[in-house]
PDB file of N, CA and C in Angstrom:
ATOM      1  N   MET A   1       0.641  -1.748  -0.114  1.00  0.00           N
ATOM      2  CA  MET A   1       0.138  -0.156  -0.063  1.00  0.00           C
ATOM      3  C   MET A   1       0.775   1.068   0.041  1.00  0.00           C
ATOM      4  N   PRO A   2       0.630   2.440  -1.370  1.00  0.00           N
ATOM      5  CA  PRO A   2       1.716   3.385  -1.055  1.00  0.00           C
ATOM      6  C   PRO A   2       1.678   4.138   0.663  1.00  0.00           C
ATOM      7  N   HIS A   3       2.552   5.002   0.681  1.00  0.00           N
ATOM      8  CA  HIS A   3       2.821   5.596   1.740  1.00  0.00           C
ATOM      9  C   HIS A   3       1.782   7.188   1.802  1.00  0.00           C
ATOM     10  N   LEU A   4       1.485   7.582   1.509  1.00  0.00           N
ATOM     11  CA  LEU A   4       0.279   8.634   1.544  1.00  0.00           C
ATOM     12  C   LEU A   4      -0.819   7.955   1.979  1.00  0.00           C
ATOM     13  N   GLN A   5      -1.560   6.634   0.443  1.00  0.00           N
ATOM     14  CA  GLN A   5      -2.932   6.042   1.140  1.00  0.00           C
ATOM     15  C   GLN A   5      -2.423   5.694   2.727  1.00  0.00           C
ATOM     16  N   THR A   6      -1.634   5.312   2.868  1.00  0.00           N
ATOM     17  CA  THR A   6      -1.764   4.689   4.551  1.00  0.00           C
ATOM     18  C   THR A   6      -1.753   5.558   5.377  1.00  0.00           C
ATOM     19  N   ARG A   7      -0.731   6.577   5.565  1.00  0.00           N
ATOM     20  CA  ARG A   7      -1.213   8.083   6.650  1.00  0.00           C
ATOM     21  C   ARG A   7      -2.546   8.676   6.168  1.00  0.00           C
ATOM     22  N   THR A   8      -3.263   8.851   5.004  1.00  0.00           N
ATOM     23  CA  THR A   8      -4.455   9.039   5.114  1.00  0.00           C
ATOM     24  C   THR A   8      -5.392   7.998   5.860  1.00  0.00           C
ATOM     25  N   LEU A   9      -5.303   6.663   5.481  1.00  0.00           N
ATOM     26  CA  LEU A   9      -6.232   5.999   5.751  1.00  0.00           C
ATOM     27  C   LEU A   9      -6.169   5.473   7.451  1.00  0.00           C
ATOM     28  N   LEU A  10      -4.879   5.578   7.823  1.00  0.00           N
ATOM     29  CA  LEU A  10      -5.102   5.874   9.414  1.00  0.00           C
ATOM     30  C   LEU A  10      -4.778   7.377   9.967  1.00  0.00           C
ATOM     31  N   SER A  11      -4.952   8.604   9.214  1.00  0.00           N
ATOM     32  CA  SER A  11      -5.632   9.506   9.767  1.00  0.00           C
ATOM     33  C   SER A  11      -7.357   9.917   9.807  1.00  0.00           C
ATOM     34  N   ILE A  12      -8.102   9.297   8.596  1.00  0.00           N
ATOM     35  CA  ILE A  12      -9.109   9.260   8.457  1.00  0.00           C
ATOM     36  C   ILE A  12      -9.872   8.217  10.074  1.00  0.00           C
ATOM     37  N   ALA A  13      -9.039   7.274  10.206  1.00  0.00           N
ATOM     38  CA  ALA A  13      -9.446   6.243  11.276  1.00  0.00           C
ATOM     39  C   ALA A  13      -9.391   6.719  12.692  1.00  0.00           C
ATOM     40  N   PHE A  14      -7.884   7.458  13.161  1.00  0.00           N
ATOM     41  CA  PHE A  14      -8.166   8.163  14.362  1.00  0.00           C
ATOM     42  C   PHE A  14      -8.635   9.905  14.528  1.00  0.00           C
ATOM     43  N   PHE A  15      -9.392   9.951  13.494  1.00  0.00           N
ATOM     44  CA  PHE A  15      -9.952  11.358  13.130  1.00  0.00           C
ATOM     45  C   PHE A  15     -11.660  10.780  13.620  1.00  0.00           C
ATOM     46  N   GLY A  16     -11.957   9.615  12.870  1.00  0.00           N
ATOM     47  CA  GLY A  16     -13.071   8.914  13.010  1.00  0.00           C
ATOM     48  C   GLY A  16     -13.141   8.273  14.708  1.00  0.00           C
ATOM     49  N   CYS A  17     -11.939   8.425  15.137  1.00  0.00           N
ATOM     50  CA  CYS A  17     -12.384   7.459  16.868  1.00  0.00           C
ATOM     51  C   CYS A  17     -11.828   8.381  17.644  1.00  0.00           C
ATOM     52  N   ILE A  18     -11.344   9.780  17.596  1.00  0.00           N
ATOM     53  CA  ILE A  18     -11.013  10.639  18.481  1.00  0.00           C
ATOM     54  C   ILE A  18     -12.290  11.759  18.583  1.00  0.00           C
ATOM     55  N   VAL A  19     -12.867  12.019  17.369  1.00  0.00           N
ATOM     56  CA  VAL A  19     -13.626  13.182  17.103  1.00  0.00           C
ATOM     57  C   VAL A  19     -15.162  13.058  17.731  1.00  0.00           C
ATOM     58  N   PRO A  20     -15.549  11.647  17.165  1.00  0.00           N
ATOM     59  CA  PRO A  20     -17.082  11.422  17.593  1.00  0.00           C
ATOM     60  C   PRO A  20     -17.502  10.567  19.039  1.00  0.00           C
ATOM     61  N   ASN A  21     -15.945  10.149  19.488  1.00  0.00           N
ATOM     62  CA  ASN A  21     -15.938   8.830  20.823  1.00  0.00           C
ATOM     63  C   ASN A  21     -15.728  10.177  21.675  1.00  0.00           C
ATOM     64  N   GLY A  22     -14.870  11.324  21.362  1.00  0.00           N
ATOM     65  CA  GLY A  22     -14.955  12.307  22.357  1.00  0.00           C
ATOM     66  C   GLY A  22     -16.102  12.607  22.353  1.00  0.00           C
ATOM     67  N   MET A  23     -16.651  13.499  21.319  1.00  0.00           N
ATOM     68  CA  MET A  23     -18.048  14.274  21.775  1.00  0.00           C
ATOM     69  C   MET A  23     -19.216  13.060  22.274  1.00  0.00           C
ATOM     70  N   PHE A  24     -19.249  11.944  22.759  1.00  0.00           N
ATOM     71  CA  PHE A  24     -19.963  10.784  23.297  1.00  0.00           C
ATOM     72  C   PHE A  24     -19.419  10.763  24.489  1.00  0.00           C
ATOM     73  N   PHE A  25     -18.318  10.500  24.341  1.00  0.00           N
ATOM     74  CA  PHE A  25     -18.073  10.651  26.273  1.00  0.00           C
ATOM     75  C   PHE A  25     -17.923  11.874  26.596  1.00  0.00           C
ATOM     76  N   TYR A  26     -17.962  13.036  26.170  1.00  0.00           N
ATOM     77  CA  TYR A  26     -18.321  14.646  26.883  1.00  0.00           C
ATOM     78  C   TYR A  26     -19.630  13.816  27.428  1.00  0.00           C
ATOM     79  N   TYR A  27     -20.856  13.889  26.597  1.00  0.00           N
ATOM     80  CA  TYR A  27     -22.130  13.569  26.515  1.00  0.00           C
ATOM     81  C   TYR A  27     -22.464  13.286  28.058  1.00  0.00           C
ATOM     82  N   ILE A  28     -21.855  11.895  28.161  1.00  0.00           N
ATOM     83  CA  ILE A  28     -21.585  10.755  28.747  1.00  0.00           C
ATOM     84  C   ILE A  28     -21.610  11.181  30.244  1.00  0.00           C
ATOM     85  N   PHE A  29     -20.172  11.617  30.212  1.00  0.00           N
ATOM     86  CA  PHE A  29     -19.941  12.139  31.281  1.00  0.00           C
ATOM     87  C   PHE A  29     -20.370  13.721  31.944  1.00  0.00           C
ATOM     88  N   TYR A  30     -20.894  14.735  31.219  1.00  0.00           N
ATOM     89  CA  TYR A  30     -21.450  16.439  31.175  1.00  0.00           C
ATOM     90  C   TYR A  30     -22.356  16.278  30.884  1.00  0.00           C
ATOM     91  N   GLN A  31     -23.334  15.226  30.160  1.00  0.00           N
ATOM     92  CA  GLN A  31     -24.738  16.032  30.151  1.00  0.00           C
ATOM     93  C   GLN A  31     -25.924  15.129  30.017  1.00  0.00           C
ATOM     94  N   PHE A  32     -25.398  13.663  30.342  1.00  0.00           N
ATOM     95  CA  PHE A  32     -26.533  12.328  30.144  1.00  0.00           C
ATOM     96  C   PHE A  32     -26.968  12.421  31.361  1.00  0.00           C
ATOM     97  N   SER A  33     -28.334  12.598  31.331  1.00  0.00           N
ATOM     98  CA  SER A  33     -29.418  12.247  32.199  1.00  0.00           C
ATOM     99  C   SER A  33     -29.971  10.856  32.704  1.00  0.00           C
ATOM    100  N   SER A  34     -31.015  10.455  32.104  1.00  0.00           N
ATOM    101  CA  SER A  34     -30.613   8.956  31.401  1.00  0.00           C
ATOM    102  C   SER A  34     -31.030   8.164  30.209  1.00  0.00           C
ATOM    103  N   LEU A  35     -31.089   7.424  30.198  1.00  0.00           N
ATOM    104  CA  LEU A  35     -31.492   6.879  29.073  1.00  0.00           C
ATOM    105  C   LEU A  35     -32.781   7.091  28.315  1.00  0.00           C
ATOM    106  N   TYR A  36     -34.122   7.240  28.980  1.00  0.00           N
ATOM    107  CA  TYR A  36     -35.194   7.555  28.984  1.00  0.00           C
ATOM    108  C   TYR A  36     -35.564   8.648  27.613  1.00  0.00           C
ATOM    109  N   ASP A  37     -34.304   9.738  28.325  1.00  0.00           N
ATOM    110  CA  ASP A  37     -34.264  10.913  27.339  1.00  0.00           C
ATOM    111  C   ASP A  37     -33.331  10.584  26.002  1.00  0.00           C
ATOM    112  N   VAL A  38     -32.533   9.726  25.930  1.00  0.00           N
ATOM    113  CA  VAL A  38     -31.890   9.253  24.720  1.00  0.00           C
ATOM    114  C   VAL A  38     -32.893   7.851  23.631  1.00  0.00           C
ATOM    115  N   MET A  39     -33.487   7.459  24.257  1.00  0.00           N
ATOM    116  CA  MET A  39     -34.230   6.478  23.573  1.00  0.00           C
ATOM    117  C   MET A  39     -35.781   7.589  22.944  1.00  0.00           C
ATOM    118  N   ASN A  40     -36.170   9.060  23.592  1.00  0.00           N
ATOM    119  CA  ASN A  40     -36.949   9.703  23.182  1.00  0.00           C
ATOM    120  C   ASN A  40     -36.758  10.490  22.105  1.00  0.00           C
ATOM    121  N   ASN A  41     -35.378  10.675  22.025  1.00  0.00           N
ATOM    122  CA  ASN A  41     -34.522  11.479  21.038  1.00  0.00           C
ATOM    123  C   ASN A  41     -35.085  11.117  19.773  1.00  0.00           C
ATOM    124  N   VAL A  42     -35.780  11.368  18.936  1.00  0.00           N
ATOM    125  CA  VAL A  42     -36.058  10.877  17.506  1.00  0.00           C
ATOM    126  C   VAL A  42     -35.019  10.804  16.814  1.00  0.00           C
ATOM    127  N   LEU A  43     -33.969  11.708  16.982  1.00  0.00           N
ATOM    128  CA  LEU A  43     -32.648  12.181  16.092  1.00  0.00           C
ATOM    129  C   LEU A  43     -31.389  11.302  16.508  1.00  0.00           C
ATOM    130  N   ALA A  44     -31.811  11.547  17.758  1.00  0.00           N
ATOM    131  CA  ALA A  44     -30.224   9.939  18.030  1.00  0.00           C
ATOM    132  C   ALA A  44     -30.631   8.747  17.879  1.00  0.00           C
ATOM    133  N   MET A  45     -32.261   8.604  17.987  1.00  0.00           N
ATOM    134  CA  MET A  45     -32.604   6.749  17.681  1.00  0.00           C
ATOM    135  C   MET A  45     -32.763   6.733  15.805  1.00  0.00           C
ATOM    136  N   GLY A  46     -32.923   8.097  15.378  1.00  0.00           N
ATOM    137  CA  GLY A  46     -32.777   7.430  13.539  1.00  0.00           C
ATOM    138  C   GLY A  46     -30.856   7.308  13.800  1.00  0.00           C
ATOM    139  N   PHE A  47     -30.047   8.060  14.144  1.00  0.00           N
ATOM    140  CA  PHE A  47     -28.614   7.727  13.953  1.00  0.00           C
ATOM    141  C   PHE A  47     -27.886   6.507  14.326  1.00  0.00           C
ATOM    142  N   ILE A  48     -28.685   5.821  15.606  1.00  0.00           N
ATOM    143  CA  ILE A  48     -28.704   4.471  16.322  1.00  0.00           C
ATOM    144  C   ILE A  48     -28.988   4.003  15.251  1.00  0.00           C
ATOM    145  N   ILE A  49     -30.314   3.541  14.663  1.00  0.00           N
ATOM    146  CA  ILE A  49     -30.994   2.702  14.201  1.00  0.00           C
ATOM    147  C   ILE A  49     -29.534   2.376  12.235  1.00  0.00           C
ATOM    148  N   ASP A  50     -29.363   3.397  12.290  1.00  0.00           N
ATOM    149  CA  ASP A  50     -29.025   3.617  10.933  1.00  0.00           C
ATOM    150  C   ASP A  50     -27.417   3.041  10.991  1.00  0.00           C
ATOM    151  N   ALA A  51     -26.514   3.210  12.135  1.00  0.00           N
ATOM    152  CA  ALA A  51     -25.257   2.503  12.469  1.00  0.00           C
ATOM    153  C   ALA A  51     -25.625   1.271  12.654  1.00  0.00           C
ATOM    154  N   PHE A  52     -26.204   1.011  13.285  1.00  0.00           N
ATOM    155  CA  PHE A  52     -26.238  -0.487  13.382  1.00  0.00           C
ATOM    156  C   PHE A  52     -26.509  -1.060  12.377  1.00  0.00           C
ATOM    157  N   MET A  53     -27.379  -0.924  11.316  1.00  0.00           N
ATOM    158  CA  MET A  53     -28.047  -1.162   9.830  1.00  0.00           C
ATOM    159  C   MET A  53     -26.943  -1.234   9.364  1.00  0.00           C
ATOM    160  N   ALA A  54     -26.150   0.205   9.002  1.00  0.00           N
ATOM    161  CA  ALA A  54     -25.134   0.113   8.086  1.00  0.00           C
ATOM    162  C   ALA A  54     -24.266  -0.943   8.350  1.00  0.00           C
ATOM    163  N   THR A  55     -23.864  -1.086   9.922  1.00  0.00           N
ATOM    164  CA  THR A  55     -22.817  -2.385   9.676  1.00  0.00           C
ATOM    165  C   THR A  55     -23.353  -3.972   9.585  1.00  0.00           C
ATOM    166  N   GLY A  56     -24.796  -3.805  10.623  1.00  0.00           N
ATOM    167  CA  GLY A  56     -25.073  -5.369   9.592  1.00  0.00           C
ATOM    168  C   GLY A  56     -24.669  -5.234   8.679  1.00  0.00           C
ATOM    169  N   LEU A  57     -24.748  -4.474   7.183  1.00  0.00           N
ATOM    170  CA  LEU A  57     -24.648  -4.797   6.052  1.00  0.00           C
ATOM    171  C   LEU A  57     -23.509  -4.994   5.581  1.00  0.00           C
ATOM    172  N   LEU A  58     -22.851  -4.265   6.228  1.00  0.00           N
ATOM    173  CA  LEU A  58     -21.356  -4.210   5.681  1.00  0.00           C
ATOM    174  C   LEU A  58     -20.189  -5.621   6.649  1.00  0.00           C
ATOM    175  N   ALA A  59     -20.898  -5.948   7.689  1.00  0.00           N
ATOM    176  CA  ALA A  59     -20.485  -7.182   8.174  1.00  0.00           C
ATOM    177  C   ALA A  59     -21.215  -8.624   7.101  1.00  0.00           C
ATOM    178  N   TRP A  60     -22.562  -8.123   6.923  1.00  0.00           N
ATOM    179  CA  TRP A  60     -22.583  -9.218   5.996  1.00  0.00           C
ATOM    180  C   TRP A  60     -21.730  -9.442   4.529  1.00  0.00           C
ATOM    181  N   TRP A  61     -21.593  -7.986   3.830  1.00  0.00           N
ATOM    182  CA  TRP A  61     -20.480  -8.167   3.113  1.00  0.00           C
ATOM    183  C   TRP A  61     -19.436  -8.342   2.877  1.00  0.00           C
ATOM    184  N   PHE A  62     -18.571  -8.160   3.724  1.00  0.00           N
ATOM    185  CA  PHE A  62     -17.256  -8.614   4.417  1.00  0.00           C
ATOM    186  C   PHE A  62     -17.339 -10.234   4.984  1.00  0.00           C
ATOM    187  N   ALA A  63     -18.793 -10.773   4.930  1.00  0.00           N
ATOM    188  CA  ALA A  63     -18.657 -12.143   5.320  1.00  0.00           C
ATOM    189  C   ALA A  63     -18.667 -12.920   4.030  1.00  0.00           C
ATOM    190  N   ARG A  64     -19.370 -12.602   3.052  1.00  0.00           N
ATOM    191  CA  ARG A  64     -19.501 -12.957   1.840  1.00  0.00           C
ATOM    192  C   ARG A  64     -18.312 -12.346   0.937  1.00  0.00           C
ATOM    193  N   ASN A  65     -17.844 -11.352   1.188  1.00  0.00           N
ATOM    194  CA  ASN A  65     -16.712 -10.859   0.319  1.00  0.00           C
ATOM    195  C   ASN A  65     -15.512 -10.733   1.221  1.00  0.00           C
ATOM    196  N   PRO A  66     -14.773 -11.644   1.448  1.00  0.00           N
ATOM    197  CA  PRO A  66     -13.970 -11.142   2.285  1.00  0.00           C
ATOM    198  C   PRO A  66     -12.832 -10.142   1.826  1.00  0.00           C
ATOM    199  N   PRO A  67     -12.173  -9.110   2.242  1.00  0.00           N
ATOM    200  CA  PRO A  67     -11.154  -8.235   1.764  1.00  0.00           C
ATOM    201  C   PRO A  67      -9.859  -8.353   2.134  1.00  0.00           C
ATOM    202  N   GLY A  68      -9.802  -9.317   2.733  1.00  0.00           N
ATOM    203  CA  GLY A  68      -8.302  -9.939   3.373  1.00  0.00           C
ATOM    204  C   GLY A  68      -8.284 -10.971   4.305  1.00  0.00           C
ATOM    205  N   ARG A  69      -7.302 -10.635   5.111  1.00  0.00           N
ATOM    206  CA  ARG A  69      -7.087 -12.176   5.911  1.00  0.00           C
ATOM    207  C   ARG A  69      -7.754 -11.592   7.361  1.00  0.00           C
ATOM    208  N   TYR A  70      -8.385 -10.379   7.654  1.00  0.00           N
ATOM    209  CA  TYR A  70      -9.544 -10.235   8.525  1.00  0.00           C
ATOM    210  C   TYR A  70     -10.909 -10.165   8.429  1.00  0.00           C
ATOM    211  N   SER A  71     -11.791 -11.146   9.547  1.00  0.00           N
ATOM    212  CA  SER A  71     -12.829 -11.140   9.097  1.00  0.00           C
ATOM    213  C   SER A  71     -13.764 -10.172   9.579  1.00  0.00           C
ATOM    214  N   TRP A  72     -15.520 -10.632   9.132  1.00  0.00           N
ATOM    215  CA  TRP A  72     -16.346  -9.358   9.752  1.00  0.00           C
ATOM    216  C   TRP A  72     -16.015  -9.383  10.913  1.00  0.00           C
ATOM    217  N   LYS A  73     -15.761 -10.111  11.351  1.00  0.00           N
ATOM    218  CA  LYS A  73     -15.745 -10.034  13.386  1.00  0.00           C
ATOM    219  C   LYS A  73     -15.371  -9.200  13.415  1.00  0.00           C
ATOM    220  N   LEU A  74     -13.698  -8.536  13.469  1.00  0.00           N
ATOM    221  CA  LEU A  74     -13.017  -7.964  13.594  1.00  0.00           C
ATOM    222  C   LEU A  74     -13.156  -6.573  13.359  1.00  0.00           C
ATOM    223  N   PHE A  75     -14.404  -6.517  12.169  1.00  0.00           N
ATOM    224  CA  PHE A  75     -14.871  -5.340  11.566  1.00  0.00           C
ATOM    225  C   PHE A  75     -16.035  -4.773  12.592  1.00  0.00           C
ATOM    226  N   VAL A  76     -16.880  -5.963  13.117  1.00  0.00           N
ATOM    227  CA  VAL A  76     -17.495  -5.658  14.001  1.00  0.00           C
ATOM    228  C   VAL A  76     -17.525  -5.613  15.132  1.00  0.00           C
ATOM    229  N   GLY A  77     -16.243  -5.718  15.910  1.00  0.00           N
ATOM    230  CA  GLY A  77     -15.340  -5.114  17.000  1.00  0.00           C
ATOM    231  C   GLY A  77     -14.900  -3.698  17.090  1.00  0.00           C
ATOM    232  N   LEU A  78     -14.071  -3.536  15.696  1.00  0.00           N
ATOM    233  CA  LEU A  78     -13.879  -2.206  15.830  1.00  0.00           C
ATOM    234  C   LEU A  78     -14.797  -1.218  15.533  1.00  0.00           C
ATOM    235  N   SER A  79     -16.120  -1.593  14.967  1.00  0.00           N
ATOM    236  CA  SER A  79     -17.243  -0.539  15.061  1.00  0.00           C
ATOM    237  C   SER A  79     -17.697  -0.697  15.766  1.00  0.00           C
ATOM    238  N   LEU A  80     -17.556  -1.253  17.169  1.00  0.00           N
ATOM    239  CA  LEU A  80     -18.641  -1.188  18.378  1.00  0.00           C
ATOM    240  C   LEU A  80     -17.530  -0.533  19.225  1.00  0.00           C
ATOM    241  N   LEU A  81     -16.339  -0.760  19.016  1.00  0.00           N
ATOM    242  CA  LEU A  81     -15.077  -0.072  19.484  1.00  0.00           C
ATOM    243  C   LEU A  81     -15.207   2.363  19.262  1.00  0.00           C
ATOM    244  N   GLY A  82     -15.154   2.284  17.837  1.00  0.00           N
ATOM    245  CA  GLY A  82     -14.954   3.391  17.118  1.00  0.00           C
ATOM    246  C   GLY A  82     -16.092   3.627  16.094  1.00  0.00           C
ATOM    247  N   GLY A  83     -17.019   2.992  16.073  1.00  0.00           N
ATOM    248  CA  GLY A  83     -17.596   3.999  15.121  1.00  0.00           C
ATOM    249  C   GLY A  83     -17.522   3.326  13.726  1.00  0.00           C
ATOM    250  N   LEU A  84     -17.918   3.392  12.547  1.00  0.00           N
ATOM    251  CA  LEU A  84     -17.912   3.562  11.509  1.00  0.00           C
ATOM    252  C   LEU A  84     -16.476   4.324  10.782  1.00  0.00           C
ATOM    253  N   GLY A  85     -16.884   5.250  11.335  1.00  0.00           N
ATOM    254  CA  GLY A  85     -15.664   6.472  10.875  1.00  0.00           C
ATOM    255  C   GLY A  85     -14.507   6.130  11.330  1.00  0.00           C
ATOM    256  N   PHE A  86     -14.521   5.168  12.513  1.00  0.00           N
ATOM    257  CA  PHE A  86     -12.972   4.710  12.363  1.00  0.00           C
ATOM    258  C   PHE A  86     -12.697   2.884  11.507  1.00  0.00           C
ATOM    259  N   SER A  87     -13.539   2.560  11.773  1.00  0.00           N
ATOM    260  CA  SER A  87     -13.855   1.074  11.601  1.00  0.00           C
ATOM    261  C   SER A  87     -13.400   0.929  10.434  1.00  0.00           C
ATOM    262  N   LEU A  88     -13.742   1.139   9.365  1.00  0.00           N
ATOM    263  CA  LEU A  88     -14.500   1.209   7.883  1.00  0.00           C
ATOM    264  C   LEU A  88     -12.246   1.718   7.649  1.00  0.00           C
ATOM    265  N   PRO A  89     -12.059   2.827   8.065  1.00  0.00           N
ATOM    266  CA  PRO A  89     -10.429   3.389   6.952  1.00  0.00           C
ATOM    267  C   PRO A  89      -9.421   2.354   7.906  1.00  0.00           C
ATOM    268  N   PHE A  90      -9.379   1.890   8.994  1.00  0.00           N
ATOM    269  CA  PHE A  90      -9.039   0.482   9.972  1.00  0.00           C
ATOM    270  C   PHE A  90      -9.160  -0.293   9.717  1.00  0.00           C
ATOM    271  N   PHE A  91     -10.016  -1.004   9.609  1.00  0.00           N
ATOM    272  CA  PHE A  91     -10.347  -2.424   8.725  1.00  0.00           C
ATOM    273  C   PHE A  91      -9.491  -2.542   7.363  1.00  0.00           C
ATOM    274  N   TYR A  92      -9.882  -1.337   6.558  1.00  0.00           N
ATOM    275  CA  TYR A  92      -9.149  -1.763   4.903  1.00  0.00           C
ATOM    276  C   TYR A  92      -7.739  -1.346   5.360  1.00  0.00           C
ATOM    277  N   TYR A  93      -7.272  -0.757   6.004  1.00  0.00           N
ATOM    278  CA  TYR A  93      -5.319  -0.680   6.290  1.00  0.00           C
ATOM    279  C   TYR A  93      -4.931  -1.536   6.912  1.00  0.00           C
ATOM    280  N   LEU A  94      -5.869  -2.470   7.912  1.00  0.00           N
ATOM    281  CA  LEU A  94      -5.230  -3.886   8.397  1.00  0.00           C
ATOM    282  C   LEU A  94      -5.334  -4.929   7.109  1.00  0.00           C
ATOM    283  N   ASN A  95      -6.525  -5.089   6.395  1.00  0.00           N
ATOM    284  CA  ASN A  95      -6.654  -6.286   5.420  1.00  0.00           C
ATOM    285  C   ASN A  95      -5.314  -5.488   4.116  1.00  0.00           C
ATOM    286  N   ASN A  96      -5.337  -4.739   4.348  1.00  0.00           N
ATOM    287  CA  ASN A  96      -4.756  -4.320   2.605  1.00  0.00           C
ATOM    288  C   ASN A  96      -3.131  -3.620   2.981  1.00  0.00           C
ATOM    289  N   ARG A  97      -2.610  -3.429   4.071  1.00  0.00           N
ATOM    290  CA  ARG A  97      -1.287  -3.357   4.560  1.00  0.00           C
ATOM    291  C   ARG A  97      -0.087  -4.589   4.312  1.00  0.00           C
ATOM    292  N   THR A  98       1.040  -4.156   3.467  1.00  0.00           N
ATOM    293  CA  THR A  98       1.419  -5.396   3.228  1.00  0.00           C
ATOM    294  C   THR A  98       2.959  -5.145   4.396  1.00  0.00           C
ATOM    295  N   GLU A  99       3.178  -6.215   4.161  1.00  0.00           N
ATOM    296  CA  GLU A  99       4.181  -6.744   5.545  1.00  0.00           C
ATOM    297  C   GLU A  99       5.991  -6.297   5.386  1.00  0.00           C
ATOM    298  N   PRO A 100       6.502  -6.084   5.894  1.00  0.00           N
ATOM    299  CA  PRO A 100       8.157  -5.141   5.352  1.00  0.00           C
ATOM    300  C   PRO A 100       8.780  -6.624   5.317  1.00  0.00           C
ATOM    301  N   ALA A 101       9.649  -6.929   4.537  1.00  0.00           N
ATOM    302  CA  ALA A 101      10.530  -7.723   3.785  1.00  0.00           C
ATOM    303  C   ALA A 101      11.620  -8.489   4.856  1.00  0.00           C
ATOM    304  N   HIS A 102      11.976  -9.560   5.714  1.00  0.00           N
ATOM    305  CA  HIS A 102      12.725  -9.785   6.519  1.00  0.00           C
ATOM    306  C   HIS A 102      13.679  -9.674   6.009  1.00  0.00           C
TER     307      HIS A 102
END
């Protein structure tokens, strides 16, 4: 994988992990009042449903068309850890990196 592509994928993955998750943790620690409020927020529920649907669809696609040596299970784990903005570029990076020659 070319060096610029590697740096770009890792930069996007880093941003996708830090920024959205930073906002999530800020909300959890400073503004969260109850799960009831989240469940009654139509916009939040729309995003949650959309993220789970997209993750499920992509996991199904990766199970049917493996992009490399890492399976769809790792993709789902990465998605739960850092969201799609992190998991997609990092999963692509992991499956397309070339090992240095020894």
